[in-house]
Protein backbone atom coordinates (compact mmCIF):
# COMPACT_ATOMS: atom_id res chain seq x y z
CA MET A 1 26.95 30.82 25.44
CA LYS A 2 28.77 28.74 22.90
CA LYS A 3 27.18 25.39 23.42
CA GLY A 4 23.77 26.89 22.99
CA LEU A 5 25.25 28.83 19.40
CA ILE A 6 26.30 25.53 18.39
CA ILE A 7 22.62 23.52 18.97
CA LEU A 8 20.70 26.42 17.68
CA LEU A 9 23.13 26.23 13.77
CA LEU A 10 22.53 22.19 14.06
CA VAL A 11 17.90 22.92 14.47
CA LEU A 12 18.27 25.78 11.56
CA CYS A 13 19.84 22.68 9.41
CA TYR A 14 17.98 20.24 9.88
CA GLN A 15 15.11 21.81 9.07
CA THR A 16 16.91 23.65 6.10
CA LYS A 17 17.47 19.68 5.20
CA ALA A 18 13.93 18.89 5.77
CA GLN A 19 12.49 21.54 3.72
CA GLN A 20 14.07 20.09 0.59
CA ILE A 21 12.41 17.84 -1.91
CA PHE A 22 13.73 14.91 -3.13
CA ILE A 23 12.55 12.97 -6.19
CA ASN A 24 14.07 9.09 -6.74
CA GLY A 25 17.37 10.38 -4.96
CA GLN A 26 17.65 13.76 -6.24
CA ASN A 27 17.30 17.37 -4.77
CA LEU A 28 15.26 19.17 -7.13
CA THR A 29 17.07 22.24 -6.34
CA THR A 30 19.63 20.81 -8.47
CA ILE A 31 18.38 18.85 -11.54
CA LYS A 32 19.52 21.84 -14.32
CA ASN A 33 17.39 22.71 -17.23
CA VAL A 34 13.52 22.03 -15.12
CA ASN A 35 11.30 25.44 -14.76
CA TYR A 36 8.26 23.80 -14.94
CA ILE A 37 6.46 19.99 -12.69
CA THR A 38 3.73 18.92 -12.55
CA VAL A 39 2.10 17.53 -8.90
CA LYS A 40 -0.41 15.10 -8.16
CA ALA A 41 -1.47 14.23 -4.62
CA GLN A 42 -3.53 11.03 -3.61
CA LYS A 43 -4.38 9.11 -0.80
CA THR A 44 -2.34 7.14 0.59
CA TRP A 45 -3.82 3.77 1.21
CA MET A 46 -6.28 3.35 4.36
CA ALA A 47 -5.31 6.92 5.65
CA THR A 48 -6.16 10.62 5.72
CA ARG A 49 -2.45 11.48 4.24
CA LEU A 50 -1.26 12.45 1.05
CA SER A 51 1.87 11.11 -1.00
CA ALA A 52 2.72 13.56 -3.70
CA PHE A 53 4.05 12.77 -7.08
CA LEU A 54 6.18 15.58 -9.55
CA ASP A 55 6.98 15.04 -12.99
CA TYR A 56 8.90 17.33 -14.45
CA GLY A 57 9.87 14.27 -17.16
CA GLN A 58 11.71 11.99 -15.60
CA GLY A 59 9.69 9.48 -16.05
CA SER A 60 6.44 7.60 -15.95
CA SER A 61 5.84 5.18 -12.64
CA GLU A 62 4.80 6.26 -9.45
CA ARG A 63 8.65 5.31 -7.61
CA GLU A 64 10.59 7.81 -10.27
CA GLN A 65 7.97 10.69 -9.03
CA GLU A 66 7.29 10.27 -5.45
CA ILE A 67 8.78 13.22 -2.91
CA THR A 68 10.80 12.28 -0.92
CA ASP A 69 13.66 13.50 2.26
CA ALA A 70 16.75 12.98 1.38
CA ASN A 71 17.35 9.21 2.58
CA LYS A 72 14.37 7.88 0.00
CA LYS A 73 11.74 7.85 2.45
CA SER A 74 8.74 8.87 1.25
CA MET A 75 6.78 12.03 2.39
CA PHE A 76 3.18 12.45 3.39
CA PHE A 77 1.12 15.58 3.79
CA LYS A 78 -2.05 17.37 5.08
CA SER A 79 -3.20 18.14 2.57
CA ARG A 80 -2.70 20.36 -0.36
CA VAL A 81 -2.07 23.54 0.66
CA ASP A 82 0.95 21.54 2.79
CA ILE A 83 2.28 20.28 -0.23
CA PHE A 84 1.82 23.85 -2.03
CA ASN A 85 3.77 25.73 0.64
CA LEU A 86 6.77 22.99 1.02
CA LEU A 87 6.64 23.24 -2.57
CA ASP A 88 6.72 27.27 -2.42
CA ARG A 89 9.43 27.49 -0.01
CA ASN A 90 11.56 25.57 -2.13
CA GLY A 91 11.05 28.36 -4.98
CA TRP A 92 8.28 26.86 -6.83
CA GLU A 93 4.60 28.57 -7.92
CA LEU A 94 1.49 27.18 -8.38
CA VAL A 95 0.39 28.42 -12.13
CA ASP A 96 -2.24 25.91 -13.57
CA ASN A 97 -4.72 22.95 -13.03
CA TYR A 98 -5.83 20.11 -15.29
CA GLU A 99 -7.62 17.03 -14.41
CA GLU A 100 -6.27 13.59 -16.31
CA THR A 101 -7.76 10.35 -16.63
CA LYS A 102 -5.86 7.08 -16.29
CA ASP A 103 -7.20 3.66 -16.07
CA GLY A 104 -10.21 5.32 -15.12
CA LYS A 105 -9.21 6.87 -12.50
CA THR A 106 -9.46 10.65 -12.54
CA TYR A 107 -6.83 12.89 -10.90
CA ILE A 108 -5.96 16.61 -10.46
CA LEU A 109 -2.27 17.32 -11.39
CA HIS A 110 -0.81 21.45 -10.73
CA ILE A 111 1.27 22.70 -13.16
CA PHE A 112 4.03 24.56 -11.14
CA ARG A 113 7.45 27.23 -12.19
CA ARG A 114 10.31 28.35 -10.95
CA LYS A 115 10.19 31.20 -9.82
CA LYS A 116 12.12 33.27 -11.23
CA ALA A 117 14.63 35.67 -8.95
């Protein structure tokens, strides 16, 4: 019984950790004074998965904006909705969308706001 409970707790702790969003090595939920973010989803080279880049005002390079796990490993998503669900589980709500053109490419950016407690 105790072994089963310990295994269950370990699984729950892992799932909670796996649900966290890291940007440039920082846990997004612990960054103070950030109430709005923009998210850009982009297909990875020669793949069907998406990478996600999040801007809260920290810098403009993709390396500084890429969503990663706690080990700074890139996270990949099946669709934009997969990204939106992760953000929702972490306390963010979609507010608006807009287009941005950079280097001849047009991107759709999604604005999220931290949910009010």
